[in-house]
Amino acid sequence: MTSNDLRVSFKMAVVMGLFLPVAETIRRINQILEYREFFSWFDDYLLGAVLLWSAYKVYNKAKNSVAYLIAAWGIATGALFLSFIGQFRYYQTTSGDPGVFSTTFVVVAKGLILLYMIIGLTKSIKANIISTQNQ
């Protein structure tokens, strides 16, 4: 890894790649066996896998690995942005968040995770700019 920004973004991708599936499993533990709710929680497994795969590419110094990392952060950030906005829908229902945590807790957590992802995306873009300037 050539830049500090790339190292930071790489580490952040590994952390978030592991965190997302674990956190969503804990949040939706009461729905894991309901087949209708499968895509409500499985998307975080896919996002985690994409982030880990891109981090693996960076770790192995694969060609265009920074581009994979940028794409992974972009996908994850976009997905979490939609999830964050969608979380406000639960404030309009009387049942609240379908998981085991309060709706307020989940919206705050998603907001913080979204901020984390934006930082990871920004770091990877900055690393790409630096690496292309050095070529």
C-alpha atoms as a PDB file:
ATOM      1  CA  MET A   1       0.000   0.000   0.000  1.00  0.00           C
ATOM      2  CA  THR A   2       1.471   3.247  -1.081  1.00  0.00           C
ATOM      3  CA  SER A   3      -0.370   5.909   0.881  1.00  0.00           C
ATOM      4  CA  ASN A   4      -1.670   6.415   4.380  1.00  0.00           C
ATOM      5  CA  ASP A   5      -5.148   7.105   2.979  1.00  0.00           C
ATOM      6  CA  LEU A   6      -5.139   3.725   1.247  1.00  0.00           C
ATOM      7  CA  ARG A   7      -4.031   1.946   4.441  1.00  0.00           C
ATOM      8  CA  VAL A   8      -6.773   3.660   6.430  1.00  0.00           C
ATOM      9  CA  SER A   9      -9.457   2.925   3.823  1.00  0.00           C
ATOM     10  CA  PHE A  10      -8.283  -0.697   3.591  1.00  0.00           C
ATOM     11  CA  LYS A  11      -8.510  -1.178   7.369  1.00  0.00           C
ATOM     12  CA  MET A  12     -11.875   0.564   7.491  1.00  0.00           C
ATOM     13  CA  ALA A  13     -13.175  -1.770   4.748  1.00  0.00           C
ATOM     14  CA  VAL A  14     -12.075  -4.826   6.726  1.00  0.00           C
ATOM     15  CA  VAL A  15     -13.720  -3.526   9.907  1.00  0.00           C
ATOM     16  CA  MET A  16     -16.976  -2.634   8.169  1.00  0.00           C
ATOM     17  CA  GLY A  17     -16.924  -5.828   6.102  1.00  0.00           C
ATOM     18  CA  LEU A  18     -16.919  -7.843   9.314  1.00  0.00           C
ATOM     19  CA  PHE A  19     -19.148  -5.500  11.316  1.00  0.00           C
ATOM     20  CA  LEU A  20     -22.121  -5.239   8.925  1.00  0.00           C
ATOM     21  CA  PRO A  21     -23.156  -8.925   8.866  1.00  0.00           C
ATOM     22  CA  VAL A  22     -22.608  -9.347  12.609  1.00  0.00           C
ATOM     23  CA  ALA A  23     -24.522  -6.187  13.531  1.00  0.00           C
ATOM     24  CA  GLU A  24     -27.427  -6.988  11.207  1.00  0.00           C
ATOM     25  CA  THR A  25     -27.633 -10.547  12.535  1.00  0.00           C
ATOM     26  CA  ILE A  26     -27.862  -9.225  16.088  1.00  0.00           C
ATOM     27  CA  ARG A  27     -30.386  -6.555  15.087  1.00  0.00           C
ATOM     28  CA  ARG A  28     -32.672  -8.960  13.231  1.00  0.00           C
ATOM     29  CA  ILE A  29     -32.142 -12.097  15.279  1.00  0.00           C
ATOM     30  CA  ASN A  30     -35.902 -12.306  15.738  1.00  0.00           C
ATOM     31  CA  GLN A  31     -36.404 -12.470  11.939  1.00  0.00           C
ATOM     32  CA  ILE A  32     -33.538 -14.698  10.769  1.00  0.00           C
ATOM     33  CA  LEU A  33     -35.754 -17.746  10.267  1.00  0.00           C
ATOM     34  CA  GLU A  34     -38.554 -15.856   8.483  1.00  0.00           C
ATOM     35  CA  TYR A  35     -37.993 -16.437   4.772  1.00  0.00           C
ATOM     36  CA  ARG A  36     -40.001 -13.309   3.821  1.00  0.00           C
ATOM     37  CA  GLU A  37     -37.478 -11.168   5.684  1.00  0.00           C
ATOM     38  CA  PHE A  38     -34.411 -12.763   4.067  1.00  0.00           C
ATOM     39  CA  PHE A  39     -33.479  -9.780   1.884  1.00  0.00           C
ATOM     40  CA  SER A  40     -34.088  -7.392   4.778  1.00  0.00           C
ATOM     41  CA  TRP A  41     -30.943  -8.662   6.463  1.00  0.00           C
ATOM     42  CA  PHE A  42     -28.968 -10.522   3.791  1.00  0.00           C
ATOM     43  CA  ASP A  43     -28.040  -7.311   1.959  1.00  0.00           C
ATOM     44  CA  ASP A  44     -25.614  -6.480   4.768  1.00  0.00           C
ATOM     45  CA  TYR A  45     -23.909  -9.824   4.215  1.00  0.00           C
ATOM     46  CA  LEU A  46     -23.448  -8.905   0.555  1.00  0.00           C
ATOM     47  CA  LEU A  47     -22.135  -5.436   1.418  1.00  0.00           C
ATOM     48  CA  GLY A  48     -19.715  -6.953   3.914  1.00  0.00           C
ATOM     49  CA  ALA A  49     -18.518  -9.449   1.303  1.00  0.00           C
ATOM     50  CA  VAL A  50     -17.963  -6.698  -1.291  1.00  0.00           C
ATOM     51  CA  LEU A  51     -15.934  -4.637   1.172  1.00  0.00           C
ATOM     52  CA  LEU A  52     -13.858  -7.637   2.258  1.00  0.00           C
ATOM     53  CA  TRP A  53     -13.279  -8.708  -1.351  1.00  0.00           C
ATOM     54  CA  SER A  54     -12.047  -5.240  -2.314  1.00  0.00           C
ATOM     55  CA  ALA A  55      -9.813  -5.110   0.768  1.00  0.00           C
ATOM     56  CA  TYR A  56      -8.378  -8.482  -0.256  1.00  0.00           C
ATOM     57  CA  LYS A  57      -7.617  -7.060  -3.706  1.00  0.00           C
ATOM     58  CA  VAL A  58      -5.802  -4.096  -2.123  1.00  0.00           C
ATOM     59  CA  TYR A  59      -3.903  -6.370   0.277  1.00  0.00           C
ATOM     60  CA  ASN A  60      -2.677  -8.511  -2.632  1.00  0.00           C
ATOM     61  CA  LYS A  61      -1.815  -5.373  -4.644  1.00  0.00           C
ATOM     62  CA  ALA A  62      -3.973  -6.533  -7.537  1.00  0.00           C
ATOM     63  CA  LYS A  63      -4.163  -4.388 -10.622  1.00  0.00           C
ATOM     64  CA  ASN A  64      -6.775  -1.616 -10.207  1.00  0.00           C
ATOM     65  CA  SER A  65      -7.347  -2.661  -6.582  1.00  0.00           C
ATOM     66  CA  VAL A  66      -7.970   0.935  -5.506  1.00  0.00           C
ATOM     67  CA  ALA A  67     -10.725   1.169  -8.118  1.00  0.00           C
ATOM     68  CA  TYR A  68     -12.323  -1.953  -6.600  1.00  0.00           C
ATOM     69  CA  LEU A  69     -12.098  -0.369  -3.163  1.00  0.00           C
ATOM     70  CA  ILE A  70     -13.694   2.856  -4.412  1.00  0.00           C
ATOM     71  CA  ALA A  71     -16.472   0.863  -6.071  1.00  0.00           C
ATOM     72  CA  ALA A  72     -17.070  -1.194  -2.924  1.00  0.00           C
ATOM     73  CA  TRP A  73     -17.257   1.911  -0.758  1.00  0.00           C
ATOM     74  CA  GLY A  74     -19.579   3.538  -3.296  1.00  0.00           C
ATOM     75  CA  ILE A  75     -21.927   0.542  -3.324  1.00  0.00           C
ATOM     76  CA  ALA A  76     -21.927   0.274   0.463  1.00  0.00           C
ATOM     77  CA  THR A  77     -22.384   4.018   0.980  1.00  0.00           C
ATOM     78  CA  GLY A  78     -25.272   4.162  -1.488  1.00  0.00           C
ATOM     79  CA  ALA A  79     -26.980   1.154   0.054  1.00  0.00           C
ATOM     80  CA  LEU A  80     -26.599   2.482   3.583  1.00  0.00           C
ATOM     81  CA  PHE A  81     -27.807   5.928   2.554  1.00  0.00           C
ATOM     82  CA  LEU A  82     -31.037   4.361   1.271  1.00  0.00           C
ATOM     83  CA  SER A  83     -31.307   2.270   4.436  1.00  0.00           C
ATOM     84  CA  PHE A  84     -30.714   5.348   6.613  1.00  0.00           C
ATOM     85  CA  ILE A  85     -33.423   7.332   4.807  1.00  0.00           C
ATOM     86  CA  GLY A  86     -35.746   4.318   4.884  1.00  0.00           C
ATOM     87  CA  GLN A  87     -35.276   4.010   8.643  1.00  0.00           C
ATOM     88  CA  PHE A  88     -37.289   7.194   9.092  1.00  0.00           C
ATOM     89  CA  ARG A  89     -40.295   5.282   7.736  1.00  0.00           C
ATOM     90  CA  TYR A  90     -40.383   3.343  10.993  1.00  0.00           C
ATOM     91  CA  TYR A  91     -41.066   6.582  12.871  1.00  0.00           C
ATOM     92  CA  GLN A  92     -44.332   6.796  10.949  1.00  0.00           C
ATOM     93  CA  THR A  93     -45.523   3.363  12.037  1.00  0.00           C
ATOM     94  CA  THR A  94     -46.791   2.389  15.426  1.00  0.00           C
ATOM     95  CA  SER A  95     -44.796  -0.842  15.468  1.00  0.00           C
ATOM     96  CA  GLY A  96     -41.379   0.847  15.169  1.00  0.00           C
ATOM     97  CA  ASP A  97     -38.227  -0.854  13.947  1.00  0.00           C
ATOM     98  CA  PRO A  98     -38.695  -4.558  13.173  1.00  0.00           C
ATOM     99  CA  GLY A  99     -35.463  -5.505  14.937  1.00  0.00           C
ATOM    100  CA  VAL A 100     -34.699  -5.870  18.613  1.00  0.00           C
ATOM    101  CA  PHE A 101     -33.441  -2.298  19.114  1.00  0.00           C
ATOM    102  CA  SER A 102     -35.352   0.970  19.340  1.00  0.00           C
ATOM    103  CA  THR A 103     -35.984   2.935  16.173  1.00  0.00           C
ATOM    104  CA  THR A 104     -34.027   5.903  17.527  1.00  0.00           C
ATOM    105  CA  PHE A 105     -31.001   3.766  18.328  1.00  0.00           C
ATOM    106  CA  VAL A 106     -31.027   2.207  14.853  1.00  0.00           C
ATOM    107  CA  VAL A 107     -31.322   5.539  13.011  1.00  0.00           C
ATOM    108  CA  VAL A 108     -28.448   7.029  15.038  1.00  0.00           C
ATOM    109  CA  ALA A 109     -26.320   3.916  14.485  1.00  0.00           C
ATOM    110  CA  LYS A 110     -27.042   3.935  10.749  1.00  0.00           C
ATOM    111  CA  GLY A 111     -26.166   7.624  10.593  1.00  0.00           C
ATOM    112  CA  LEU A 112     -22.810   6.985  12.263  1.00  0.00           C
ATOM    113  CA  ILE A 113     -22.122   4.003  10.005  1.00  0.00           C
ATOM    114  CA  LEU A 114     -23.005   6.121   6.980  1.00  0.00           C
ATOM    115  CA  LEU A 115     -20.531   8.784   8.116  1.00  0.00           C
ATOM    116  CA  TYR A 116     -17.871   6.071   8.564  1.00  0.00           C
ATOM    117  CA  MET A 117     -18.543   4.824   5.034  1.00  0.00           C
ATOM    118  CA  ILE A 118     -18.312   8.310   3.557  1.00  0.00           C
ATOM    119  CA  ILE A 119     -14.921   8.701   5.236  1.00  0.00           C
ATOM    120  CA  GLY A 120     -13.784   5.340   3.829  1.00  0.00           C
ATOM    121  CA  LEU A 121     -14.968   6.333   0.360  1.00  0.00           C
ATOM    122  CA  THR A 122     -13.236   9.713   0.608  1.00  0.00           C
ATOM    123  CA  LYS A 123      -9.964   8.129   1.758  1.00  0.00           C
ATOM    124  CA  SER A 124      -9.977   5.627  -1.103  1.00  0.00           C
ATOM    125  CA  ILE A 125     -10.682   8.355  -3.677  1.00  0.00           C
ATOM    126  CA  LYS A 126      -7.893  10.478  -2.219  1.00  0.00           C
ATOM    127  CA  ALA A 127      -5.513   7.490  -2.350  1.00  0.00           C
ATOM    128  CA  ASN A 128      -6.398   6.968  -6.000  1.00  0.00           C
ATOM    129  CA  ILE A 129      -5.748  10.615  -6.829  1.00  0.00           C
ATOM    130  CA  ILE A 130      -2.361  10.482  -5.105  1.00  0.00           C
ATOM    131  CA  SER A 131      -1.382   7.241  -6.841  1.00  0.00           C
ATOM    132  CA  THR A 132      -2.337   8.539 -10.293  1.00  0.00           C
ATOM    133  CA  GLN A 133      -0.359  11.764  -9.708  1.00  0.00           C
ATOM    134  CA  ASN A 134       2.719   9.719  -8.798  1.00  0.00           C
ATOM    135  CA  GLN A 135       2.641   7.732 -12.031  1.00  0.00           C
END
